[in-house]
Amino acid sequence: MPESVSPDEVFPGGGNHDPHIPAPVELPLEGPEEMADDVGLRTAIIRFVVTGAGSAVLDFGLTMLLQYGLHWDPAYAKALGFVLGTTTAYLINRRWTFRAEPSAARFVAVMLLYLATFAVQVGIYAAFENLWATDNKLMSAVSFAIAQGTATVVNFVVQRAVIFKMK
């Protein structure tokens, strides 16, 4: 450790941290514990889209790897991709987009929402994959975009209007 950096700067909270155990990574949270009213609709949408885009890359990458690389059924591949993508999105959106501390009630509400959008998204993806009647990567990307777009709109509206307004 360079001499110009004190352990208190690296590990806030005092000398209680064992330097051999990595500190947990936390996304910064500024402001009050509950959803900040100063996060306007436009800002929230931009943050939600940026987070969703990154999560969609994870979702899409895993879906394509499983479907085309490991020859999984498209519905199963999309299901696992969805779980990875939505879990990542929830963790980032909770802290950055909606600026909220962890809450058991919120977590349960988001999991129920994700369960509903999981069924919608996987169903839409599988329906379009069957509609195309061809094993084509471009058409799989179109199926993915339609399913992802539908789930994104539903997730944003419900999370902003209901879930992250919960105390």
Protein backbone atom coordinates (compact mmCIF):
# COMPACT_ATOMS: atom_id res chain seq x y z
CA MET A 1 0.00 0.00 0.00
CA PRO A 2 1.53 3.40 -0.93
CA GLU A 3 2.58 5.53 2.02
CA SER A 4 0.27 8.38 0.92
CA VAL A 5 -2.88 6.29 1.51
CA SER A 6 -3.97 5.44 5.03
CA PRO A 7 -5.87 2.23 5.80
CA ASP A 8 -8.82 4.36 6.99
CA GLU A 9 -9.15 5.80 3.48
CA VAL A 10 -9.20 2.36 1.90
CA PHE A 11 -11.37 0.71 4.55
CA PRO A 12 -13.74 3.30 6.01
CA GLY A 13 -15.14 2.31 9.34
CA GLY A 14 -11.91 2.03 11.23
CA GLY A 15 -9.38 -0.64 11.83
CA ASN A 16 -11.93 -3.45 12.20
CA HIS A 17 -11.25 -4.72 8.68
CA ASP A 18 -8.97 -7.70 8.22
CA PRO A 19 -6.73 -6.70 5.27
CA HIS A 20 -6.66 -10.33 4.09
CA ILE A 21 -10.44 -10.40 3.52
CA PRO A 22 -11.68 -8.29 0.60
CA ALA A 23 -14.17 -5.59 1.50
CA PRO A 24 -17.61 -5.98 -0.15
CA VAL A 25 -18.18 -3.88 -3.23
CA GLU A 26 -21.05 -1.44 -2.82
CA LEU A 27 -22.47 0.93 -5.37
CA PRO A 28 -22.47 4.47 -4.00
CA LEU A 29 -25.72 5.70 -2.49
CA GLU A 30 -26.07 9.38 -1.94
CA GLY A 31 -28.98 11.07 -0.25
CA PRO A 32 -31.89 9.71 1.74
CA GLU A 33 -32.58 6.02 2.22
CA GLU A 34 -35.84 5.92 0.30
CA MET A 35 -36.29 6.78 -3.36
CA ALA A 36 -35.13 10.30 -3.88
CA ASP A 37 -37.82 12.62 -5.16
CA ASP A 38 -35.09 14.60 -6.88
CA VAL A 39 -34.60 11.77 -9.39
CA GLY A 40 -36.83 13.06 -12.13
CA LEU A 41 -38.65 10.89 -14.62
CA ARG A 42 -36.17 11.65 -17.42
CA THR A 43 -33.15 10.83 -15.24
CA ALA A 44 -34.79 7.66 -13.96
CA ILE A 45 -35.62 6.53 -17.50
CA ILE A 46 -32.06 7.18 -18.69
CA ARG A 47 -30.57 5.32 -15.73
CA PHE A 48 -33.04 2.46 -16.15
CA VAL A 49 -32.22 2.17 -19.87
CA VAL A 50 -28.45 2.28 -19.29
CA THR A 51 -28.74 -0.37 -16.57
CA GLY A 52 -31.11 -2.40 -18.71
CA ALA A 53 -28.78 -2.23 -21.70
CA GLY A 54 -25.89 -3.61 -19.70
CA SER A 55 -28.08 -6.30 -18.17
CA ALA A 56 -29.50 -7.13 -21.59
CA VAL A 57 -25.97 -7.69 -22.91
CA LEU A 58 -25.45 -10.25 -20.14
CA ASP A 59 -28.87 -11.80 -20.80
CA PHE A 60 -28.40 -11.92 -24.59
CA GLY A 61 -24.82 -13.18 -24.39
CA LEU A 62 -25.73 -16.05 -22.09
CA THR A 63 -28.88 -16.86 -24.09
CA MET A 64 -26.95 -17.08 -27.37
CA LEU A 65 -24.08 -19.03 -25.78
CA LEU A 66 -26.44 -21.61 -24.33
CA GLN A 67 -28.74 -21.80 -27.38
CA TYR A 68 -26.14 -21.86 -30.15
CA GLY A 69 -22.92 -22.79 -28.38
CA LEU A 70 -24.30 -25.54 -26.14
CA HIS A 71 -27.45 -26.32 -28.21
CA TRP A 72 -29.93 -25.73 -25.40
CA ASP A 73 -33.64 -25.36 -26.07
CA PRO A 74 -34.32 -21.64 -26.76
CA ALA A 75 -36.80 -21.32 -23.87
CA TYR A 76 -34.33 -22.76 -21.33
CA ALA A 77 -31.48 -20.65 -22.68
CA LYS A 78 -33.61 -17.51 -22.48
CA ALA A 79 -34.79 -18.42 -18.98
CA LEU A 80 -31.26 -18.62 -17.58
CA GLY A 81 -30.22 -15.47 -19.45
CA PHE A 82 -33.23 -13.67 -18.01
CA VAL A 83 -32.37 -14.69 -14.45
CA LEU A 84 -28.80 -13.38 -14.78
CA GLY A 85 -29.88 -10.17 -16.51
CA THR A 86 -32.73 -9.27 -14.19
CA THR A 87 -30.78 -10.01 -11.03
CA THR A 88 -28.03 -7.68 -12.22
CA ALA A 89 -30.56 -5.03 -13.22
CA TYR A 90 -32.34 -5.17 -9.85
CA LEU A 91 -29.13 -4.73 -7.86
CA ILE A 92 -28.02 -1.74 -9.93
CA ASN A 93 -31.46 -0.11 -10.28
CA ARG A 94 -32.18 -0.38 -6.57
CA ARG A 95 -29.09 1.64 -5.74
CA TRP A 96 -28.55 3.92 -8.73
CA THR A 97 -31.84 4.47 -10.56
CA PHE A 98 -34.22 4.45 -7.60
CA ARG A 99 -31.66 5.24 -4.85
CA ALA A 100 -33.17 2.82 -2.37
CA GLU A 101 -31.74 0.87 0.53
CA PRO A 102 -32.41 -2.87 0.75
CA SER A 103 -35.91 -3.77 1.90
CA ALA A 104 -37.42 -7.22 2.31
CA ALA A 105 -40.83 -5.98 1.15
CA ARG A 106 -39.33 -4.36 -1.95
CA PHE A 107 -37.24 -7.42 -2.70
CA VAL A 108 -40.29 -9.70 -2.54
CA ALA A 109 -42.30 -7.27 -4.70
CA VAL A 110 -39.55 -7.11 -7.33
CA MET A 111 -39.18 -10.90 -7.34
CA LEU A 112 -42.94 -11.26 -7.92
CA LEU A 113 -42.76 -8.69 -10.71
CA TYR A 114 -39.77 -10.49 -12.23
CA LEU A 115 -41.67 -13.77 -12.01
CA ALA A 116 -44.50 -12.23 -14.03
CA THR A 117 -42.20 -10.57 -16.57
CA PHE A 118 -40.16 -13.80 -16.73
CA ALA A 119 -43.22 -15.66 -17.96
CA VAL A 120 -44.10 -12.88 -20.38
CA GLN A 121 -40.56 -12.52 -21.73
CA VAL A 122 -39.76 -16.22 -22.11
CA GLY A 123 -43.20 -16.80 -23.62
CA ILE A 124 -42.76 -14.00 -26.17
CA TYR A 125 -39.24 -15.21 -27.03
CA ALA A 126 -40.33 -18.82 -27.47
CA ALA A 127 -43.40 -17.81 -29.50
CA PHE A 128 -41.33 -15.76 -31.93
CA GLU A 129 -38.66 -18.49 -32.15
CA ASN A 130 -41.42 -20.93 -33.17
CA LEU A 131 -43.01 -18.39 -35.51
CA TRP A 132 -39.80 -17.90 -37.49
CA ALA A 133 -39.53 -21.70 -37.96
CA THR A 134 -35.82 -21.33 -38.64
CA ASP A 135 -32.69 -21.59 -36.53
CA ASN A 136 -31.41 -18.14 -37.45
CA LYS A 137 -29.31 -15.93 -35.16
CA LEU A 138 -30.66 -12.70 -36.63
CA MET A 139 -34.25 -13.76 -36.03
CA SER A 140 -33.28 -14.86 -32.50
CA ALA A 141 -31.94 -11.34 -31.94
CA VAL A 142 -35.26 -9.90 -33.14
CA SER A 143 -37.16 -12.28 -30.83
CA PHE A 144 -34.91 -11.22 -27.97
CA ALA A 145 -35.42 -7.50 -28.66
CA ILE A 146 -39.21 -7.81 -28.74
CA ALA A 147 -39.31 -9.86 -25.53
CA GLN A 148 -36.76 -7.64 -23.77
CA GLY A 149 -38.53 -4.43 -24.80
CA THR A 150 -41.86 -5.64 -23.49
CA ALA A 151 -40.39 -6.69 -20.13
CA THR A 152 -38.41 -3.44 -19.81
CA VAL A 153 -41.47 -1.23 -20.17
CA VAL A 154 -43.50 -3.30 -17.71
CA ASN A 155 -40.64 -3.42 -15.20
CA PHE A 156 -39.97 0.32 -15.30
CA VAL A 157 -43.58 1.36 -14.90
CA VAL A 158 -44.27 -1.00 -11.99
CA GLN A 159 -40.96 -0.37 -10.21
CA ARG A 160 -41.18 3.41 -10.46
CA ALA A 161 -44.88 3.77 -9.73
CA VAL A 162 -45.25 1.12 -7.04
CA ILE A 163 -42.27 -0.84 -5.77
CA PHE A 164 -39.71 1.86 -5.12
CA LYS A 165 -42.34 4.11 -3.56
CA MET A 166 -42.79 1.47 -0.82
CA LYS A 167 -41.35 2.18 2.60
